[in-house]
N, C-alpha and C. Protein backbone atom coordinates (compact mmCIF):
# COMPACT_ATOMS: atom_id res chain seq x y z
N MET A 1 1.82 73.14 -2.43
CA MET A 1 2.70 72.30 -1.36
C MET A 1 4.02 72.20 -1.85
N ARG A 2 4.90 72.22 -0.79
CA ARG A 2 6.32 72.14 -1.01
C ARG A 2 6.92 70.64 -1.52
N TYR A 3 5.97 69.82 -1.40
CA TYR A 3 6.23 68.32 -1.74
C TYR A 3 5.43 67.90 -2.92
N ASP A 4 4.53 68.83 -3.74
CA ASP A 4 3.87 68.37 -4.69
C ASP A 4 4.76 67.88 -5.88
N PHE A 5 5.99 68.08 -5.88
CA PHE A 5 6.89 67.49 -6.98
C PHE A 5 7.00 66.13 -6.86
N LEU A 6 7.07 65.61 -5.56
CA LEU A 6 7.03 64.11 -5.27
C LEU A 6 5.81 63.45 -5.65
N ILE A 7 4.67 63.96 -5.36
CA ILE A 7 3.52 63.37 -5.84
C ILE A 7 3.35 63.21 -7.33
N ALA A 8 3.76 64.35 -8.23
CA ALA A 8 3.78 64.49 -9.46
C ALA A 8 4.77 63.33 -10.07
N THR A 9 5.91 63.29 -9.46
CA THR A 9 6.74 62.34 -9.82
C THR A 9 6.22 60.76 -9.83
N TYR A 10 5.81 60.71 -8.48
CA TYR A 10 5.10 59.47 -8.50
C TYR A 10 3.98 58.82 -9.47
N GLU A 11 3.24 59.87 -9.86
CA GLU A 11 2.19 59.65 -10.88
C GLU A 11 2.80 59.23 -12.28
N THR A 12 4.09 60.00 -12.68
CA THR A 12 4.39 59.75 -13.90
C THR A 12 5.32 58.45 -13.73
N GLU A 13 5.73 57.98 -12.60
CA GLU A 13 6.58 56.67 -12.48
C GLU A 13 5.67 55.54 -12.55
N CYS A 14 4.52 55.82 -12.07
CA CYS A 14 3.47 54.77 -12.12
C CYS A 14 3.01 54.07 -13.58
N VAL A 15 3.09 55.05 -14.63
CA VAL A 15 2.61 55.10 -15.96
C VAL A 15 3.80 54.47 -16.57
N LYS A 16 5.42 54.81 -15.97
CA LYS A 16 6.48 54.17 -16.56
C LYS A 16 6.70 52.90 -16.37
N VAL A 17 6.20 52.37 -15.23
CA VAL A 17 6.27 50.99 -14.86
C VAL A 17 5.34 50.13 -15.76
N GLY A 18 4.17 50.63 -15.82
CA GLY A 18 3.15 49.73 -16.52
C GLY A 18 3.45 49.78 -17.89
N SER A 19 3.98 50.93 -18.42
CA SER A 19 4.42 50.93 -19.82
C SER A 19 5.80 49.98 -20.36
N VAL A 20 6.64 50.05 -19.59
CA VAL A 20 7.59 49.00 -19.65
C VAL A 20 6.95 47.51 -19.58
N TRP A 21 6.41 47.24 -18.55
CA TRP A 21 5.65 45.96 -18.52
C TRP A 21 5.10 45.63 -19.85
N SER A 22 4.37 46.64 -20.58
CA SER A 22 3.45 46.48 -21.61
C SER A 22 4.44 46.25 -22.61
N GLU A 23 5.61 46.39 -22.88
CA GLU A 23 6.65 46.03 -23.95
C GLU A 23 6.87 44.56 -23.97
N PHE A 24 6.68 43.54 -22.97
CA PHE A 24 6.98 42.39 -23.04
C PHE A 24 5.57 41.61 -23.39
N ARG A 25 6.06 40.26 -23.80
CA ARG A 25 4.99 39.37 -24.18
C ARG A 25 4.79 38.54 -23.05
N ASP A 26 3.63 37.96 -23.17
CA ASP A 26 3.18 36.80 -21.93
C ASP A 26 4.25 35.66 -21.96
N GLU A 27 4.84 35.22 -23.24
CA GLU A 27 5.87 34.04 -23.06
C GLU A 27 7.47 34.62 -22.78
N ASP A 28 7.50 36.01 -22.51
CA ASP A 28 8.73 36.46 -21.98
C ASP A 28 8.78 36.23 -20.28
N LEU A 29 7.53 36.17 -19.58
CA LEU A 29 7.62 35.99 -18.14
C LEU A 29 8.67 35.21 -17.54
N PRO A 30 8.97 33.89 -18.02
CA PRO A 30 9.86 33.08 -17.33
C PRO A 30 11.37 33.41 -17.58
N VAL A 31 11.68 34.43 -18.74
CA VAL A 31 12.80 34.86 -19.09
C VAL A 31 13.82 35.36 -17.84
N ARG A 32 14.98 34.89 -17.80
CA ARG A 32 15.93 35.22 -16.66
C ARG A 32 17.15 36.24 -17.50
N PRO A 33 17.84 37.22 -17.05
CA PRO A 33 19.02 37.62 -17.71
C PRO A 33 19.83 36.71 -18.04
N ARG A 34 20.11 35.50 -17.52
CA ARG A 34 21.12 34.37 -17.90
C ARG A 34 20.14 33.19 -17.59
N ASP A 35 19.89 32.36 -18.67
CA ASP A 35 19.30 31.14 -18.35
C ASP A 35 19.86 30.19 -17.61
N GLY A 36 18.75 29.87 -16.51
CA GLY A 36 19.40 28.88 -15.58
C GLY A 36 19.89 29.32 -14.16
N ASP A 37 20.37 30.68 -14.34
CA ASP A 37 20.81 31.31 -13.02
C ASP A 37 19.88 32.11 -12.28
N PRO A 38 19.14 31.67 -11.46
CA PRO A 38 18.28 32.07 -10.16
C PRO A 38 18.56 33.37 -9.61
N ARG A 39 19.95 33.49 -9.92
CA ARG A 39 20.34 34.83 -9.10
C ARG A 39 19.67 36.17 -9.89
N GLY A 40 19.36 36.08 -10.99
CA GLY A 40 18.71 37.23 -11.68
C GLY A 40 17.27 36.98 -11.95
N ARG A 41 16.46 37.91 -11.29
CA ARG A 41 14.99 37.63 -11.49
C ARG A 41 14.53 37.53 -12.83
N SER A 42 13.54 36.27 -12.89
CA SER A 42 12.89 36.43 -14.25
C SER A 42 11.95 37.71 -14.42
N VAL A 43 11.42 38.06 -15.43
CA VAL A 43 10.44 38.99 -15.69
C VAL A 43 9.26 38.76 -14.76
N HIS A 44 8.63 37.79 -14.64
CA HIS A 44 7.57 37.41 -13.52
C HIS A 44 7.85 37.66 -12.24
N GLU A 45 9.29 37.32 -11.93
CA GLU A 45 9.55 37.78 -10.55
C GLU A 45 9.81 39.14 -10.36
N GLN A 46 10.25 39.82 -11.27
CA GLN A 46 10.31 41.16 -11.46
C GLN A 46 9.02 42.09 -11.08
N MET A 47 7.97 41.65 -11.84
CA MET A 47 6.63 42.20 -11.47
C MET A 47 6.43 41.77 -10.26
N VAL A 48 6.30 40.77 -9.84
CA VAL A 48 5.94 40.25 -8.44
C VAL A 48 6.60 41.29 -7.32
N HIS A 49 7.97 41.33 -7.42
CA HIS A 49 8.75 42.06 -6.64
C HIS A 49 8.20 43.49 -6.48
N GLN A 50 8.01 44.15 -7.68
CA GLN A 50 7.55 45.37 -7.63
C GLN A 50 6.22 45.70 -6.92
N CYS A 51 5.37 44.88 -7.28
CA CYS A 51 3.97 44.99 -6.46
C CYS A 51 4.20 44.52 -5.01
N VAL A 52 4.68 43.56 -4.59
CA VAL A 52 5.00 43.32 -3.10
C VAL A 52 5.76 44.40 -2.54
N SER A 53 6.85 44.71 -3.02
CA SER A 53 7.75 45.71 -2.33
C SER A 53 7.02 47.10 -2.25
N GLU A 54 6.52 47.56 -3.18
CA GLU A 54 5.76 48.83 -3.07
C GLU A 54 4.71 48.77 -2.23
N ASP A 55 3.96 47.63 -2.15
CA ASP A 55 2.81 47.58 -1.20
C ASP A 55 3.45 47.72 0.32
N LEU A 56 4.59 46.73 0.55
CA LEU A 56 5.36 46.98 1.93
C LEU A 56 5.75 48.20 2.37
N TRP A 57 6.33 48.79 1.31
CA TRP A 57 6.96 50.15 1.63
C TRP A 57 5.97 51.36 1.94
N PHE A 58 4.87 51.19 1.23
CA PHE A 58 3.78 52.08 1.73
C PHE A 58 3.01 51.92 2.79
N ARG A 59 2.94 50.57 3.04
CA ARG A 59 2.15 50.22 4.16
C ARG A 59 2.99 50.34 5.36
N ASN A 60 4.22 49.90 5.54
CA ASN A 60 4.83 49.94 6.76
C ASN A 60 5.84 51.14 6.92
N MET A 61 6.25 51.85 5.76
CA MET A 61 7.05 52.94 6.19
C MET A 61 6.21 54.48 5.96
N LEU A 62 5.05 54.45 5.18
CA LEU A 62 4.57 55.62 4.73
C LEU A 62 2.87 55.66 5.30
N GLY A 63 2.54 54.45 5.77
CA GLY A 63 1.10 54.27 6.60
C GLY A 63 0.05 54.22 5.52
N ILE A 64 0.36 53.98 4.25
CA ILE A 64 -0.68 54.05 3.31
C ILE A 64 -1.09 52.65 2.81
N ASP A 65 -2.15 52.24 3.08
CA ASP A 65 -2.66 50.76 2.88
C ASP A 65 -3.77 50.97 1.87
N VAL A 66 -3.56 50.30 0.73
CA VAL A 66 -4.62 50.46 -0.39
C VAL A 66 -5.87 49.24 0.01
N GLY A 67 -5.86 48.44 0.92
CA GLY A 67 -6.86 47.46 1.33
C GLY A 67 -6.93 46.57 0.11
N ALA A 68 -6.04 46.17 -0.46
CA ALA A 68 -6.11 45.08 -1.53
C ALA A 68 -5.14 44.53 -1.50
N PRO A 69 -4.94 43.30 -2.06
CA PRO A 69 -3.80 42.24 -2.11
C PRO A 69 -2.77 42.93 -3.25
N PRO A 70 -1.60 42.84 -2.99
CA PRO A 70 -0.63 43.55 -3.92
C PRO A 70 -0.57 42.71 -5.38
N LEU A 71 -1.19 41.37 -5.58
CA LEU A 71 -0.86 40.70 -6.54
C LEU A 71 -1.87 40.51 -7.26
N PRO A 72 -2.22 40.25 -8.45
CA PRO A 72 -3.42 39.87 -9.22
C PRO A 72 -3.62 38.42 -8.82
N ALA A 73 -4.93 37.99 -9.23
CA ALA A 73 -5.49 36.67 -8.90
C ALA A 73 -4.85 35.82 -9.98
N GLN A 74 -4.83 36.14 -11.38
CA GLN A 74 -4.02 35.62 -12.37
C GLN A 74 -2.85 36.34 -12.81
N GLU A 75 -1.58 35.67 -12.58
CA GLU A 75 -0.30 36.42 -12.72
C GLU A 75 -0.07 36.22 -14.13
N THR A 76 -0.64 36.93 -15.05
CA THR A 76 -0.52 37.29 -16.48
C THR A 76 0.27 38.62 -16.46
N ARG A 77 0.72 39.12 -17.70
CA ARG A 77 1.29 40.39 -17.94
C ARG A 77 0.27 41.45 -17.97
N VAL A 78 -1.06 41.38 -18.50
CA VAL A 78 -1.94 42.43 -18.36
C VAL A 78 -2.55 42.35 -17.27
N GLU A 79 -2.73 41.36 -16.36
CA GLU A 79 -3.35 41.48 -15.12
C GLU A 79 -2.26 41.86 -14.09
N PHE A 80 -1.14 41.95 -14.34
CA PHE A 80 0.07 42.41 -13.65
C PHE A 80 -0.06 43.96 -13.65
N ILE A 81 -0.28 44.42 -14.82
CA ILE A 81 -0.38 45.97 -15.34
C ILE A 81 -1.65 46.64 -14.60
N LYS A 82 -2.67 45.72 -14.66
CA LYS A 82 -4.18 46.34 -14.19
C LYS A 82 -3.78 46.56 -12.48
N ARG A 83 -3.32 45.37 -11.99
CA ARG A 83 -3.26 45.50 -10.40
C ARG A 83 -2.38 46.56 -9.96
N TYR A 84 -1.21 46.74 -10.50
CA TYR A 84 -0.12 47.57 -10.23
C TYR A 84 -1.04 49.13 -10.34
N VAL A 85 -1.45 49.35 -11.54
CA VAL A 85 -2.07 50.57 -11.76
C VAL A 85 -3.10 50.96 -10.81
N GLU A 86 -3.93 49.93 -10.67
CA GLU A 86 -5.16 50.14 -9.70
C GLU A 86 -4.59 50.57 -8.29
N ALA A 87 -3.56 49.84 -7.83
CA ALA A 87 -2.96 50.06 -6.43
C ALA A 87 -2.13 51.34 -6.48
N SER A 88 -1.48 51.57 -7.31
CA SER A 88 -0.62 52.80 -7.39
C SER A 88 -1.58 54.15 -7.48
N GLY A 89 -2.85 53.86 -8.07
CA GLY A 89 -3.65 55.03 -8.33
C GLY A 89 -4.18 55.13 -6.94
N ARG A 90 -4.68 54.50 -6.09
CA ARG A 90 -5.12 54.46 -4.79
C ARG A 90 -4.12 55.44 -3.81
N ARG A 91 -3.00 54.70 -4.09
CA ARG A 91 -1.87 55.44 -3.19
C ARG A 91 -1.56 56.68 -3.66
N LEU A 92 -1.58 57.48 -5.05
CA LEU A 92 -1.71 58.38 -5.48
C LEU A 92 -2.80 59.55 -4.82
N ALA A 93 -4.05 58.62 -4.84
CA ALA A 93 -5.12 59.65 -4.12
C ALA A 93 -4.95 59.93 -2.91
N VAL A 94 -4.29 59.14 -2.20
CA VAL A 94 -3.91 59.36 -0.58
C VAL A 94 -2.90 60.45 -0.46
N LEU A 95 -1.92 60.19 -1.22
CA LEU A 95 -0.80 61.39 -1.40
C LEU A 95 -1.23 62.81 -1.62
N ARG A 96 -2.14 62.76 -2.40
CA ARG A 96 -2.68 64.31 -2.90
C ARG A 96 -3.62 64.81 -1.68
N GLU A 97 -3.90 64.25 -0.52
CA GLU A 97 -4.47 64.53 0.43
C GLU A 97 -3.55 64.96 1.52
N THR A 98 -2.31 64.86 1.34
CA THR A 98 -1.20 65.11 2.32
C THR A 98 -0.98 66.49 2.59
N HIS A 99 -0.11 66.81 3.69
CA HIS A 99 0.16 68.24 3.93
C HIS A 99 1.81 68.10 4.09
N GLU A 100 2.36 69.49 4.14
CA GLU A 100 3.88 69.45 4.42
C GLU A 100 4.30 68.86 5.59
N SER A 101 3.47 69.04 6.49
CA SER A 101 3.91 68.43 7.90
C SER A 101 3.94 66.63 8.10
N TRP A 102 2.99 66.26 7.17
CA TRP A 102 3.05 64.77 6.82
C TRP A 102 4.50 64.38 6.31
N TRP A 103 4.85 64.98 5.46
CA TRP A 103 6.02 64.59 4.74
C TRP A 103 7.43 64.99 5.28
N GLU A 104 7.23 65.77 6.25
CA GLU A 104 8.42 66.06 7.14
C GLU A 104 8.62 65.37 8.37
N GLU A 105 7.49 64.56 8.69
CA GLU A 105 7.65 63.67 9.96
C GLU A 105 8.45 62.57 9.49
N ASP A 106 9.34 62.00 10.76
CA ASP A 106 9.91 60.85 10.53
C ASP A 106 9.30 59.59 10.62
N THR A 107 9.85 58.53 9.88
CA THR A 107 9.28 57.16 10.05
C THR A 107 10.27 56.16 9.81
N HIS A 108 9.67 54.93 10.23
CA HIS A 108 10.90 53.81 10.16
C HIS A 108 11.40 53.64 8.55
N PHE A 109 12.58 53.42 8.39
CA PHE A 109 13.29 53.06 7.18
C PHE A 109 13.94 51.92 7.48
N PHE A 110 13.42 50.76 7.39
CA PHE A 110 14.33 49.58 7.85
C PHE A 110 14.73 49.83 9.55
N ASP A 111 15.81 49.99 9.69
CA ASP A 111 16.56 50.05 11.12
C ASP A 111 16.74 51.41 11.34
N VAL A 112 16.43 52.50 10.59
CA VAL A 112 16.72 53.73 10.84
C VAL A 112 15.40 54.63 10.71
N ARG A 113 15.48 55.93 11.06
CA ARG A 113 14.49 56.86 10.88
C ARG A 113 14.76 57.77 10.01
N ARG A 114 13.86 58.03 8.93
CA ARG A 114 13.90 59.06 7.78
C ARG A 114 12.49 59.86 7.66
N SER A 115 12.59 60.90 7.13
CA SER A 115 11.37 61.70 6.74
C SER A 115 10.74 60.99 5.77
N ARG A 116 9.38 61.09 5.64
CA ARG A 116 8.59 60.43 4.73
C ARG A 116 9.06 61.11 3.37
N ALA A 117 9.32 62.36 3.22
CA ALA A 117 9.84 62.66 1.92
C ALA A 117 11.21 62.00 1.49
N TRP A 118 11.96 61.72 2.45
CA TRP A 118 13.17 60.79 2.08
C TRP A 118 13.03 59.49 1.49
N VAL A 119 12.02 58.85 2.35
CA VAL A 119 11.55 57.62 2.04
C VAL A 119 10.75 57.57 0.64
N MET A 120 10.03 58.27 0.32
CA MET A 120 9.43 58.55 -0.80
C MET A 120 10.42 58.56 -2.10
N THR A 121 11.22 59.59 -1.89
CA THR A 121 12.70 59.56 -2.90
C THR A 121 13.12 58.31 -3.00
N ARG A 122 13.45 57.62 -1.94
CA ARG A 122 14.27 56.26 -2.15
C ARG A 122 13.30 55.28 -2.61
N ARG A 123 12.03 55.39 -2.43
CA ARG A 123 11.11 54.49 -3.01
C ARG A 123 10.93 54.50 -4.54
N MET A 124 10.90 55.58 -5.09
CA MET A 124 10.95 55.93 -6.66
C MET A 124 12.42 55.42 -7.11
N THR A 125 13.49 55.76 -6.68
CA THR A 125 14.71 55.41 -7.18
C THR A 125 14.91 53.93 -7.13
N HIS A 126 14.25 53.11 -6.02
CA HIS A 126 14.27 51.72 -6.23
C HIS A 126 13.55 51.20 -7.25
N THR A 127 12.34 51.71 -7.63
CA THR A 127 11.43 51.58 -8.66
C THR A 127 12.22 51.61 -9.86
N SER A 128 12.95 52.73 -9.99
CA SER A 128 13.61 53.18 -11.29
C SER A 128 14.54 52.07 -11.69
N HIS A 129 15.28 51.68 -10.69
CA HIS A 129 16.45 50.55 -10.66
C HIS A 129 15.91 49.29 -11.21
N HIS A 130 14.85 48.79 -10.61
CA HIS A 130 14.33 47.51 -11.27
C HIS A 130 13.65 47.98 -12.78
N ARG A 131 13.24 48.79 -12.89
CA ARG A 131 12.44 49.24 -14.45
C ARG A 131 13.66 49.14 -15.38
N GLY A 132 14.79 49.82 -14.74
CA GLY A 132 16.10 49.84 -15.72
C GLY A 132 16.52 48.17 -16.00
N GLN A 133 16.50 47.55 -15.17
CA GLN A 133 16.83 45.93 -15.14
C GLN A 133 15.82 45.44 -16.27
N LEU A 134 14.50 45.63 -16.35
CA LEU A 134 13.75 45.12 -17.13
C LEU A 134 13.94 45.81 -18.58
N MET A 135 14.28 46.98 -18.75
CA MET A 135 14.48 47.58 -20.03
C MET A 135 15.71 46.80 -20.84
N ALA A 136 16.81 46.53 -19.81
CA ALA A 136 17.81 45.76 -20.57
C ALA A 136 17.53 44.45 -20.93
N MET A 137 16.38 43.83 -20.25
CA MET A 137 15.96 42.61 -20.46
C MET A 137 15.36 42.67 -21.91
N LEU A 138 14.37 43.62 -21.99
CA LEU A 138 13.91 43.75 -23.35
C LEU A 138 14.74 43.81 -24.53
N ARG A 139 15.87 44.74 -24.48
CA ARG A 139 16.93 44.80 -25.29
C ARG A 139 17.58 43.30 -25.61
N MET A 140 17.63 42.47 -24.49
CA MET A 140 18.38 41.11 -24.56
C MET A 140 17.41 40.18 -25.64
N LEU A 141 16.22 40.57 -25.33
CA LEU A 141 15.09 39.84 -26.15
C LEU A 141 14.69 40.33 -27.40
N GLY A 142 15.52 41.32 -27.77
CA GLY A 142 15.47 41.92 -29.04
C GLY A 142 14.12 42.77 -29.55
N ARG A 143 13.65 43.24 -28.26
CA ARG A 143 12.29 44.20 -28.39
C ARG A 143 12.74 45.29 -28.73
N ASP A 144 11.72 46.31 -29.09
CA ASP A 144 11.82 47.68 -29.31
C ASP A 144 11.37 48.37 -28.07
N LEU A 145 12.09 49.71 -27.70
CA LEU A 145 11.67 50.39 -26.79
C LEU A 145 11.22 51.83 -26.75
N HIS A 146 10.04 52.14 -26.33
CA HIS A 146 9.77 53.33 -26.28
C HIS A 146 10.53 54.28 -25.20
N SER A 147 10.43 55.52 -25.48
CA SER A 147 10.96 56.35 -24.46
C SER A 147 10.35 56.11 -22.92
N ASN A 148 11.39 56.22 -22.02
CA ASN A 148 10.88 56.13 -20.57
C ASN A 148 11.07 57.48 -20.00
N TYR A 149 12.33 58.02 -20.18
CA TYR A 149 12.77 59.39 -19.85
C TYR A 149 12.69 60.32 -20.89
N GLY A 150 13.50 59.85 -22.10
CA GLY A 150 13.88 60.68 -23.11
C GLY A 150 14.06 59.45 -24.45
N PRO A 151 14.81 60.06 -25.35
CA PRO A 151 14.87 59.49 -26.46
C PRO A 151 15.39 58.07 -26.36
N THR A 152 15.09 56.98 -27.12
CA THR A 152 15.94 55.82 -27.40
C THR A 152 16.38 55.36 -28.68
N ALA A 153 17.06 54.35 -29.00
CA ALA A 153 17.51 54.02 -30.33
C ALA A 153 16.21 53.84 -31.10
N ASP A 154 15.17 53.33 -30.61
CA ASP A 154 13.89 53.22 -31.35
C ASP A 154 13.07 54.41 -31.79
N THR A 155 13.50 55.53 -30.98
CA THR A 155 12.69 56.84 -31.15
C THR A 155 13.54 57.90 -31.99
N GLY A 156 14.88 57.40 -32.28
CA GLY A 156 15.57 58.28 -32.98
C GLY A 156 17.03 58.33 -32.89
N GLY A 157 17.30 57.74 -31.58
CA GLY A 157 19.09 57.96 -31.01
C GLY A 157 19.06 58.86 -29.83
N LEU A 158 20.02 59.40 -30.26
CA LEU A 158 20.59 60.63 -29.35
C LEU A 158 19.84 62.01 -29.16
N MET A 159 19.73 62.57 -28.04
CA MET A 159 19.00 63.93 -27.92
C MET A 159 19.65 64.85 -28.76
N GLN A 160 20.91 64.93 -28.83
CA GLN A 160 21.79 65.94 -29.37
C GLN A 160 21.45 65.82 -30.83
N ASN A 161 21.02 64.81 -31.33
CA ASN A 161 20.60 64.55 -32.90
C ASN A 161 19.21 64.78 -33.04
N GLN A 162 18.42 65.41 -31.86
CA GLN A 162 17.19 65.85 -31.99
C GLN A 162 16.07 64.57 -32.19
N ALA A 163 16.61 63.29 -31.61
CA ALA A 163 15.58 62.38 -31.48
C ALA A 163 14.52 62.69 -30.60
N LEU A 164 13.45 61.96 -31.27
CA LEU A 164 12.04 62.30 -30.46
C LEU A 164 11.94 61.56 -29.07
N THR A 165 11.05 62.08 -28.28
CA THR A 165 10.81 61.17 -26.81
C THR A 165 9.28 60.82 -27.17
N ILE A 166 9.15 59.53 -27.35
CA ILE A 166 7.83 58.93 -27.81
C ILE A 166 7.38 57.69 -26.55
N TYR A 167 6.60 58.26 -25.86
CA TYR A 167 5.83 57.29 -24.64
C TYR A 167 5.14 56.38 -25.32
N ALA A 168 4.96 55.09 -24.92
CA ALA A 168 4.22 54.16 -25.35
C ALA A 168 2.90 54.48 -25.07
N TYR A 169 2.54 54.99 -23.88
CA TYR A 169 1.28 55.49 -23.36
C TYR A 169 1.35 56.94 -22.64
N PRO A 170 0.30 57.87 -22.98
CA PRO A 170 0.71 59.12 -22.30
C PRO A 170 -0.03 58.98 -20.69
N THR A 171 -0.94 58.24 -20.50
CA THR A 171 -1.48 57.94 -19.26
C THR A 171 -1.92 56.64 -18.99
N VAL A 172 -2.15 56.56 -17.57
CA VAL A 172 -2.62 55.19 -17.05
C VAL A 172 -3.68 54.67 -17.76
N ALA A 173 -4.76 55.51 -18.05
CA ALA A 173 -6.04 55.09 -18.60
C ALA A 173 -5.73 54.65 -20.03
N ALA A 174 -4.90 55.40 -20.89
CA ALA A 174 -4.53 55.00 -22.27
C ALA A 174 -3.87 53.53 -22.22
N LEU A 175 -2.95 53.44 -21.28
CA LEU A 175 -2.26 52.12 -20.90
C LEU A 175 -3.21 50.92 -20.77
N LEU A 176 -4.15 51.09 -19.76
CA LEU A 176 -5.10 50.11 -19.39
C LEU A 176 -5.91 49.83 -20.63
N ASN A 177 -6.43 50.88 -21.46
CA ASN A 177 -7.61 50.79 -22.33
C ASN A 177 -6.63 49.89 -23.61
N GLY A 178 -5.28 50.58 -23.62
CA GLY A 178 -4.65 49.93 -25.13
C GLY A 178 -4.30 48.51 -24.88
N GLU A 179 -3.82 48.16 -23.61
CA GLU A 179 -3.21 46.73 -23.40
C GLU A 179 -4.25 45.83 -23.19
N SER A 180 -5.50 46.50 -22.61
CA SER A 180 -6.73 45.57 -22.49
C SER A 180 -7.30 45.11 -24.04
N ALA A 181 -7.00 46.01 -24.82
CA ALA A 181 -7.58 45.82 -26.33
C ALA A 181 -6.58 44.96 -27.25
N GLY A 182 -5.22 44.55 -26.72
CA GLY A 182 -4.14 43.99 -27.40
C GLY A 182 -3.40 44.76 -27.59
N GLY A 183 -3.25 46.04 -27.31
CA GLY A 183 -2.00 46.91 -27.62
C GLY A 183 -2.35 48.06 -28.64
N ALA A 184 -1.97 49.31 -28.05
CA ALA A 184 -2.20 50.40 -28.91
C ALA A 184 -1.11 51.30 -28.59
N LYS A 185 -0.04 50.87 -28.62
CA LYS A 185 1.08 51.83 -28.18
C LYS A 185 1.50 53.05 -29.53
N ALA A 186 1.99 53.97 -29.25
CA ALA A 186 2.34 54.73 -30.10
C ALA A 186 3.43 54.23 -31.12
N PRO A 187 3.38 54.75 -32.44
CA PRO A 187 4.38 54.06 -33.41
C PRO A 187 5.53 54.67 -33.06
N LEU A 188 6.62 53.65 -33.47
CA LEU A 188 8.00 54.21 -33.30
C LEU A 188 8.45 54.56 -35.01
N PRO A 189 9.22 55.23 -35.00
CA PRO A 189 9.80 55.84 -36.46
C PRO A 189 10.84 54.66 -36.91
N GLY A 190 11.31 53.97 -36.16
CA GLY A 190 12.46 53.11 -36.69
C GLY A 190 13.66 53.65 -36.77
N PRO A 191 14.71 53.15 -37.08
CA PRO A 191 16.19 53.82 -37.10
C PRO A 191 16.37 54.88 -37.78
N SER A 192 17.13 55.81 -37.46
CA SER A 192 17.12 57.17 -38.03
C SER A 192 18.25 57.26 -39.15
N GLY A 193 19.30 56.48 -38.74
CA GLY A 193 20.45 56.48 -39.54
C GLY A 193 21.53 57.16 -38.95
N LYS A 194 21.21 57.67 -37.71
CA LYS A 194 22.28 58.21 -36.96
C LYS A 194 22.83 57.48 -35.74
N PRO A 195 23.91 57.64 -35.32
CA PRO A 195 24.36 56.79 -34.07
C PRO A 195 23.38 56.99 -32.98
N VAL A 196 23.25 55.86 -32.31
CA VAL A 196 22.37 55.88 -31.10
C VAL A 196 23.30 55.75 -29.83
N THR A 197 24.67 55.89 -29.85
CA THR A 197 25.50 55.96 -28.78
C THR A 197 26.59 57.08 -29.31
N GLU A 198 27.03 57.49 -27.84
CA GLU A 198 28.31 58.57 -28.18
C GLU A 198 29.45 57.68 -28.60
N ARG A 199 29.62 56.34 -28.58
CA ARG A 199 30.67 55.60 -29.03
C ARG A 199 30.21 54.74 -29.90
N PRO A 200 30.07 55.01 -31.16
CA PRO A 200 29.41 53.93 -32.18
C PRO A 200 30.51 53.24 -32.67
N ALA A 201 30.41 51.92 -32.99
CA ALA A 201 31.39 51.00 -33.53
C ALA A 201 31.94 51.35 -34.52
N LYS A 202 33.17 51.32 -34.82
CA LYS A 202 33.79 51.81 -35.94
C LYS A 202 33.52 50.63 -37.33
N THR A 203 33.09 51.18 -38.26
CA THR A 203 32.96 50.07 -39.46
C THR A 203 34.26 50.06 -40.39
């Protein structure tokens, strides 16, 4: 089908969300980008927003209702991961049953109308935006970062220096099993000794 790439992309985006959440610790949930400034969502509020926002987009714009509450009964890091992975898995199952005509039909996007393919693309960029905010917060907390799309400073630095792409978990099943057992992320190699930015600080 012409739109299989959107389904495949959504599948990978789901594991990326859960993997970034797994890089936090429970005590990180109240942390904001700037302490005391409510304009920047806390880690906890980011997780709530992801779950609630995605549920609303899929139900109201794409007509896909997973039939379950968007938030976990206990709002802990692991329970957020489990709830999001389960809900996104149900959405993925519905998407796999769609046809080209479904993707090309117009639907409501707030106060305008757009095709479902357009809405799905915008949904995934919205998710990526918030995931990027959380990755910046992980750096602010001094945490290591696995790959989300390509190499990071903790996987070897820059792509042009043959740095590795190392995902925390390869699948949602591995993510759930690993985090439920206390964490089983892929090991990171540590600093490579090479610059991790195209504009390294001069020493």
